[in-house]
C-alpha atoms as a PDB file:
ATOM      1  CA  UNK A   1      45.842 112.901  84.002  1.00  0.00           C
ATOM      2  CA  UNK A   2      45.611 116.149  86.128  1.00  0.00           C
ATOM      3  CA  UNK A   3      42.222 117.230  87.463  1.00  0.00           C
ATOM      4  CA  UNK A   4      41.193 120.675  88.733  1.00  0.00           C
ATOM      5  CA  UNK A   5      41.762 119.587  92.290  1.00  0.00           C
ATOM      6  CA  UNK A   6      45.645 118.674  91.552  1.00  0.00           C
ATOM      7  CA  UNK A   7      45.990 121.753  89.490  1.00  0.00           C
ATOM      8  CA  UNK A   8      44.652 123.958  92.207  1.00  0.00           C
ATOM      9  CA  UNK A   9      46.782 122.435  94.738  1.00  0.00           C
ATOM     10  CA  UNK A  10      50.008 122.718  92.634  1.00  0.00           C
ATOM     11  CA  UNK A  11      49.121 126.755  92.058  1.00  0.00           C
ATOM     12  CA  UNK A  12      48.462 126.814  95.758  1.00  0.00           C
ATOM     13  CA  UNK A  13      52.218 125.203  96.227  1.00  0.00           C
ATOM     14  CA  UNK A  14      53.759 127.932  93.836  1.00  0.00           C
ATOM     15  CA  UNK A  15      52.061 130.657  95.386  1.00  0.00           C
ATOM     16  CA  UNK A  16      53.056 129.796  99.246  1.00  0.00           C
ATOM     17  CA  UNK A  17      56.652 129.281  97.847  1.00  0.00           C
ATOM     18  CA  UNK A  18      56.567 132.764  96.112  1.00  0.00           C
ATOM     19  CA  UNK A  19      54.999 134.446  99.259  1.00  0.00           C
ATOM     20  CA  UNK A  20      57.705 132.572 101.587  1.00  0.00           C
ATOM     21  CA  UNK A  21      60.513 134.166  99.746  1.00  0.00           C
ATOM     22  CA  UNK A  22      58.968 137.755  99.865  1.00  0.00           C
ATOM     23  CA  UNK A  23      58.049 137.129 103.807  1.00  0.00           C
ATOM     24  CA  UNK A  24      61.775 136.545 104.687  1.00  0.00           C
ATOM     25  CA  UNK A  25      62.951 139.429 102.672  1.00  0.00           C
ATOM     26  CA  UNK A  26      60.323 141.679 104.260  1.00  0.00           C
ATOM     27  CA  UNK A  27      59.968 140.568 107.622  1.00  0.00           C
ATOM     28  CA  UNK A  28      56.579 139.031 106.970  1.00  0.00           C
ATOM     29  CA  UNK A  29      56.265 136.666 110.045  1.00  0.00           C
ATOM     30  CA  UNK A  30      54.564 137.171 113.011  1.00  0.00           C
ATOM     31  CA  UNK A  31      54.875 135.881 116.573  1.00  0.00           C
ATOM     32  CA  UNK A  32      52.040 134.803 118.647  1.00  0.00           C
ATOM     33  CA  UNK A  33      52.425 133.516 122.389  1.00  0.00           C
ATOM     34  CA  UNK A  34      50.369 130.434 123.497  1.00  0.00           C
ATOM     35  CA  UNK A  35      50.190 130.364 127.335  1.00  0.00           C
ATOM     36  CA  UNK A  36      51.086 127.192 129.274  1.00  0.00           C
ATOM     37  CA  UNK A  37      48.809 126.730 132.525  1.00  0.00           C
ATOM     38  CA  UNK A  38      50.485 124.892 135.378  1.00  0.00           C
ATOM     39  CA  UNK A  39      47.960 123.115 137.679  1.00  0.00           C
ATOM     40  CA  UNK A  40      50.101 123.146 140.526  1.00  0.00           C
ATOM     41  CA  UNK A  41      50.483 126.842 140.850  1.00  0.00           C
ATOM     42  CA  UNK A  42      47.552 127.706 139.292  1.00  0.00           C
ATOM     43  CA  UNK A  43      49.035 130.451 136.974  1.00  0.00           C
ATOM     44  CA  UNK A  44      50.690 130.371 133.595  1.00  0.00           C
ATOM     45  CA  UNK A  45      54.386 129.670 133.905  1.00  0.00           C
ATOM     46  CA  UNK A  46      55.279 129.351 130.200  1.00  0.00           C
ATOM     47  CA  UNK A  47      54.352 130.186 126.684  1.00  0.00           C
ATOM     48  CA  UNK A  48      55.082 128.858 123.420  1.00  0.00           C
ATOM     49  CA  UNK A  49      56.039 131.221 120.479  1.00  0.00           C
ATOM     50  CA  UNK A  50      54.174 130.201 117.485  1.00  0.00           C
ATOM     51  CA  UNK A  51      54.991 131.366 113.971  1.00  0.00           C
ATOM     52  CA  UNK A  52      52.047 132.769 111.936  1.00  0.00           C
ATOM     53  CA  UNK A  53      52.253 134.147 108.278  1.00  0.00           C
ATOM     54  CA  UNK A  54      49.395 136.442 107.288  1.00  0.00           C
ATOM     55  CA  UNK A  55      49.314 136.972 103.646  1.00  0.00           C
ATOM     56  CA  UNK A  56      47.484 139.990 101.980  1.00  0.00           C
ATOM     57  CA  UNK A  57      45.961 137.753  99.157  1.00  0.00           C
ATOM     58  CA  UNK A  58      46.419 134.165 100.244  1.00  0.00           C
ATOM     59  CA  UNK A  59      45.108 134.864 104.003  1.00  0.00           C
ATOM     60  CA  UNK A  60      46.564 133.164 106.623  1.00  0.00           C
ATOM     61  CA  UNK A  61      49.334 130.475 106.011  1.00  0.00           C
ATOM     62  CA  UNK A  62      49.806 128.052 108.805  1.00  0.00           C
ATOM     63  CA  UNK A  63      52.946 126.220 109.607  1.00  0.00           C
ATOM     64  CA  UNK A  64      51.714 122.938 108.326  1.00  0.00           C
ATOM     65  CA  UNK A  65      51.694 124.563 104.876  1.00  0.00           C
ATOM     66  CA  UNK A  66      54.743 126.711 104.590  1.00  0.00           C
ATOM     67  CA  UNK A  67      57.189 124.852 107.146  1.00  0.00           C
ATOM     68  CA  UNK A  68      57.834 122.092 104.696  1.00  0.00           C
ATOM     69  CA  UNK A  69      58.818 124.208 101.738  1.00  0.00           C
ATOM     70  CA  UNK A  70      60.938 126.113 104.137  1.00  0.00           C
ATOM     71  CA  UNK A  71      62.694 122.977 105.132  1.00  0.00           C
ATOM     72  CA  UNK A  72      63.402 121.459 101.601  1.00  0.00           C
ATOM     73  CA  UNK A  73      64.836 125.100 100.233  1.00  0.00           C
ATOM     74  CA  UNK A  74      66.611 125.803 103.410  1.00  0.00           C
ATOM     75  CA  UNK A  75      64.835 129.063 104.226  1.00  0.00           C
ATOM     76  CA  UNK A  76      64.009 127.525 107.705  1.00  0.00           C
ATOM     77  CA  UNK A  77      67.427 128.623 108.725  1.00  0.00           C
ATOM     78  CA  UNK A  78      66.705 132.147 107.912  1.00  0.00           C
ATOM     79  CA  UNK A  79      63.120 131.886 109.661  1.00  0.00           C
ATOM     80  CA  UNK A  80      64.622 130.225 112.758  1.00  0.00           C
ATOM     81  CA  UNK A  81      66.880 133.355 112.870  1.00  0.00           C
ATOM     82  CA  UNK A  82      64.009 135.687 112.494  1.00  0.00           C
ATOM     83  CA  UNK A  83      61.907 133.831 115.046  1.00  0.00           C
ATOM     84  CA  UNK A  84      64.426 134.154 117.753  1.00  0.00           C
ATOM     85  CA  UNK A  85      65.112 137.583 117.242  1.00  0.00           C
ATOM     86  CA  UNK A  86      61.356 138.197 117.133  1.00  0.00           C
ATOM     87  CA  UNK A  87      60.983 136.434 120.502  1.00  0.00           C
ATOM     88  CA  UNK A  88      63.647 138.043 122.240  1.00  0.00           C
ATOM     89  CA  UNK A  89      62.594 141.358 121.008  1.00  0.00           C
ATOM     90  CA  UNK A  90      59.115 140.975 122.633  1.00  0.00           C
ATOM     91  CA  UNK A  91      60.821 139.643 125.801  1.00  0.00           C
ATOM     92  CA  UNK A  92      62.816 142.852 125.953  1.00  0.00           C
ATOM     93  CA  UNK A  93      59.915 145.206 125.067  1.00  0.00           C
ATOM     94  CA  UNK A  94      57.633 143.862 127.511  1.00  0.00           C
ATOM     95  CA  UNK A  95      59.912 142.969 130.194  1.00  0.00           C
ATOM     96  CA  UNK A  96      58.542 139.637 130.415  1.00  0.00           C
ATOM     97  CA  UNK A  97      61.122 138.091 132.629  1.00  0.00           C
ATOM     98  CA  UNK A  98      60.230 140.729 135.267  1.00  0.00           C
ATOM     99  CA  UNK A  99      56.536 141.694 134.704  1.00  0.00           C
ATOM    100  CA  UNK A 100      54.766 138.459 134.470  1.00  0.00           C
ATOM    101  CA  UNK A 101      54.653 134.823 135.884  1.00  0.00           C
ATOM    102  CA  UNK A 102      55.957 133.362 132.466  1.00  0.00           C
ATOM    103  CA  UNK A 103      59.344 131.642 133.448  1.00  0.00           C
ATOM    104  CA  UNK A 104      60.173 130.226 130.019  1.00  0.00           C
ATOM    105  CA  UNK A 105      59.062 130.740 126.527  1.00  0.00           C
ATOM    106  CA  UNK A 106      59.183 127.569 123.988  1.00  0.00           C
ATOM    107  CA  UNK A 107      60.542 128.101 120.477  1.00  0.00           C
ATOM    108  CA  UNK A 108      60.246 125.354 117.828  1.00  0.00           C
ATOM    109  CA  UNK A 109      63.761 124.145 116.575  1.00  0.00           C
ATOM    110  CA  UNK A 110      64.151 122.570 113.204  1.00  0.00           C
ATOM    111  CA  UNK A 111      66.697 119.793 112.808  1.00  0.00           C
ATOM    112  CA  UNK A 112      68.047 121.634 109.957  1.00  0.00           C
ATOM    113  CA  UNK A 113      69.060 124.734 112.037  1.00  0.00           C
ATOM    114  CA  UNK A 114      71.127 122.564 114.387  1.00  0.00           C
ATOM    115  CA  UNK A 115      73.064 121.138 111.474  1.00  0.00           C
ATOM    116  CA  UNK A 116      74.648 124.418 110.849  1.00  0.00           C
ATOM    117  CA  UNK A 117      78.264 124.673 112.741  1.00  0.00           C
ATOM    118  CA  UNK A 118      77.349 128.391 113.360  1.00  0.00           C
ATOM    119  CA  UNK A 119      73.970 127.706 115.049  1.00  0.00           C
ATOM    120  CA  UNK A 120      75.120 127.795 118.837  1.00  0.00           C
ATOM    121  CA  UNK A 121      77.086 130.914 118.239  1.00  0.00           C
ATOM    122  CA  UNK A 122      74.316 132.771 116.521  1.00  0.00           C
ATOM    123  CA  UNK A 123      71.772 131.714 119.183  1.00  0.00           C
ATOM    124  CA  UNK A 124      74.357 133.127 122.008  1.00  0.00           C
ATOM    125  CA  UNK A 125      75.086 136.279 120.038  1.00  0.00           C
ATOM    126  CA  UNK A 126      71.155 137.115 119.606  1.00  0.00           C
ATOM    127  CA  UNK A 127      70.391 136.394 123.228  1.00  0.00           C
ATOM    128  CA  UNK A 128      73.201 138.517 124.518  1.00  0.00           C
ATOM    129  CA  UNK A 129      72.170 141.327 122.167  1.00  0.00           C
ATOM    130  CA  UNK A 130      68.776 141.556 123.716  1.00  0.00           C
ATOM    131  CA  UNK A 131      70.074 140.739 127.511  1.00  0.00           C
ATOM    132  CA  UNK A 132      67.875 137.580 127.538  1.00  0.00           C
ATOM    133  CA  UNK A 133      68.862 135.004 130.342  1.00  0.00           C
ATOM    134  CA  UNK A 134      69.534 131.812 128.330  1.00  0.00           C
ATOM    135  CA  UNK A 135      67.370 129.867 130.846  1.00  0.00           C
ATOM    136  CA  UNK A 136      64.500 131.746 129.778  1.00  0.00           C
ATOM    137  CA  UNK A 137      64.339 130.082 126.553  1.00  0.00           C
ATOM    138  CA  UNK A 138      63.256 126.362 125.716  1.00  0.00           C
ATOM    139  CA  UNK A 139      63.977 125.051 122.435  1.00  0.00           C
ATOM    140  CA  UNK A 140      61.407 122.550 121.488  1.00  0.00           C
ATOM    141  CA  UNK A 141      62.611 119.403 119.238  1.00  0.00           C
ATOM    142  CA  UNK A 142      60.362 117.009 117.538  1.00  0.00           C
ATOM    143  CA  UNK A 143      60.495 113.316 118.570  1.00  0.00           C
ATOM    144  CA  UNK A 144      61.234 112.374 114.852  1.00  0.00           C
ATOM    145  CA  UNK A 145      64.156 115.141 114.603  1.00  0.00           C
ATOM    146  CA  UNK A 146      65.551 114.029 118.109  1.00  0.00           C
ATOM    147  CA  UNK A 147      65.507 110.288 116.848  1.00  0.00           C
ATOM    148  CA  UNK A 148      67.563 111.255 113.785  1.00  0.00           C
ATOM    149  CA  UNK A 149      70.076 113.254 115.539  1.00  0.00           C
ATOM    150  CA  UNK A 150      73.693 112.890 114.609  1.00  0.00           C
ATOM    151  CA  UNK A 151      76.913 114.194 116.071  1.00  0.00           C
ATOM    152  CA  UNK A 152      76.665 117.821 114.855  1.00  0.00           C
ATOM    153  CA  UNK A 153      73.061 118.116 116.082  1.00  0.00           C
ATOM    154  CA  UNK A 154      73.936 116.308 119.374  1.00  0.00           C
ATOM    155  CA  UNK A 155      76.774 118.695 119.868  1.00  0.00           C
ATOM    156  CA  UNK A 156      75.011 121.792 119.329  1.00  0.00           C
ATOM    157  CA  UNK A 157      72.324 120.933 121.769  1.00  0.00           C
ATOM    158  CA  UNK A 158      74.897 120.213 124.632  1.00  0.00           C
ATOM    159  CA  UNK A 159      76.772 123.184 123.608  1.00  0.00           C
ATOM    160  CA  UNK A 160      73.540 125.291 123.911  1.00  0.00           C
ATOM    161  CA  UNK A 161      72.671 123.394 127.135  1.00  0.00           C
ATOM    162  CA  UNK A 162      76.056 124.164 128.665  1.00  0.00           C
ATOM    163  CA  UNK A 163      75.303 127.780 128.013  1.00  0.00           C
ATOM    164  CA  UNK A 164      72.252 127.565 129.951  1.00  0.00           C
ATOM    165  CA  UNK A 165      69.471 126.916 127.348  1.00  0.00           C
ATOM    166  CA  UNK A 166      66.998 124.001 128.108  1.00  0.00           C
ATOM    167  CA  UNK A 167      65.633 121.711 125.581  1.00  0.00           C
ATOM    168  CA  UNK A 168      61.885 119.884 125.396  1.00  0.00           C
ATOM    169  CA  UNK A 169      61.098 116.763 123.471  1.00  0.00           C
ATOM    170  CA  UNK A 170      57.743 117.110 121.710  1.00  0.00           C
ATOM    171  CA  UNK A 171      55.419 114.516 120.533  1.00  0.00           C
ATOM    172  CA  UNK A 172      56.959 111.896 122.465  1.00  0.00           C
ATOM    173  CA  UNK A 173      55.117 108.613 122.272  1.00  0.00           C
ATOM    174  CA  UNK A 174      54.633 108.439 118.375  1.00  0.00           C
ATOM    175  CA  UNK A 175      57.226 105.709 118.059  1.00  0.00           C
ATOM    176  CA  UNK A 176      60.392 107.161 116.834  1.00  0.00           C
ATOM    177  CA  UNK A 177      62.386 108.115 119.888  1.00  0.00           C
ATOM    178  CA  UNK A 178      63.516 105.624 122.649  1.00  0.00           C
ATOM    179  CA  UNK A 179      64.673 105.791 126.083  1.00  0.00           C
ATOM    180  CA  UNK A 180      68.243 106.118 124.831  1.00  0.00           C
ATOM    181  CA  UNK A 181      67.529 109.296 122.842  1.00  0.00           C
ATOM    182  CA  UNK A 182      65.861 110.817 125.812  1.00  0.00           C
ATOM    183  CA  UNK A 183      68.999 110.049 128.066  1.00  0.00           C
ATOM    184  CA  UNK A 184      71.488 111.198 125.550  1.00  0.00           C
ATOM    185  CA  UNK A 185      70.266 114.412 124.403  1.00  0.00           C
ATOM    186  CA  UNK A 186      69.826 117.504 127.144  1.00  0.00           C
ATOM    187  CA  UNK A 187      65.939 117.414 127.340  1.00  0.00           C
ATOM    188  CA  UNK A 188      64.487 118.948 130.551  1.00  0.00           C
ATOM    189  CA  UNK A 189      61.178 118.580 129.529  1.00  0.00           C
ATOM    190  CA  UNK A 190      59.236 115.652 128.024  1.00  0.00           C
ATOM    191  CA  UNK A 191      55.908 116.383 126.146  1.00  0.00           C
ATOM    192  CA  UNK A 192      53.731 113.273 125.785  1.00  0.00           C
ATOM    193  CA  UNK A 193      52.051 113.305 122.447  1.00  0.00           C
ATOM    194  CA  UNK A 194      48.189 113.712 122.693  1.00  0.00           C
ATOM    195  CA  UNK A 195      47.620 110.019 121.246  1.00  0.00           C
ATOM    196  CA  UNK A 196      49.263 108.637 124.233  1.00  0.00           C
ATOM    197  CA  UNK A 197      47.443 110.663 126.592  1.00  0.00           C
ATOM    198  CA  UNK A 198      44.068 109.809 124.998  1.00  0.00           C
ATOM    199  CA  UNK A 199      44.911 106.066 125.285  1.00  0.00           C
ATOM    200  CA  UNK A 200      45.055 106.173 128.924  1.00  0.00           C
ATOM    201  CA  UNK A 201      41.236 106.430 128.684  1.00  0.00           C
ATOM    202  CA  UNK A 202      40.825 103.427 126.410  1.00  0.00           C
ATOM    203  CA  UNK A 203      41.785 100.394 128.306  1.00  0.00           C
ATOM    204  CA  UNK A 204      43.612  99.151 131.339  1.00  0.00           C
ATOM    205  CA  UNK A 205      46.719  98.306 129.577  1.00  0.00           C
ATOM    206  CA  UNK A 206      47.208 101.806 127.675  1.00  0.00           C
ATOM    207  CA  UNK A 207      46.619 103.169 131.030  1.00  0.00           C
ATOM    208  CA  UNK A 208      49.386 101.062 132.591  1.00  0.00           C
ATOM    209  CA  UNK A 209      51.881 102.048 129.997  1.00  0.00           C
ATOM    210  CA  UNK A 210      51.078 105.474 130.291  1.00  0.00           C
ATOM    211  CA  UNK A 211      51.636 105.662 134.043  1.00  0.00           C
ATOM    212  CA  UNK A 212      54.845 103.642 133.795  1.00  0.00           C
ATOM    213  CA  UNK A 213      56.057 106.316 131.003  1.00  0.00           C
ATOM    214  CA  UNK A 214      55.173 109.170 133.332  1.00  0.00           C
ATOM    215  CA  UNK A 215      57.174 107.583 136.167  1.00  0.00           C
END
């Protein structure tokens, strides 16, 4: 039995899938930069590039809705390419490397992208076309993706790491990745999951685990 709520959800999914294909063909995605503040220097030293999908009829469609469809269909590869191009164009257009205190820009990376043998080469080509210093880019990998990384993914990360690109491990502490993952893959930044940070204030045991993890 299908109720109105299920039917509404089904139609919403179909609408998003259709809109997704149109956005890929018509360059319908936007990039927002979320600044990251450094308490040591009292300034903004990094920014995270966030993908946004405004639609004239459906309104703003956020990543938690359209990214799962994009990954299932393989369209995440095209979206990732467009995202990197947009970020590099933004850096070049506003000369962010020389006119701001921003030292790095983080870009979310899907595990599916790294499974493509051509991925490292395309990244290098894009950045060289725009004249972007590879050290200016940080690819952010979720803990789930990192813990499931196979040889292809690992080789891709190390190849880009040798090129100069940095990597950040996101959501660490949710239980998927272990210390071996942190050591095996070329992460220069470990981002602790907010649940782990909040646990610090709940009881002394959680606080001890948190402090030891940071150390």
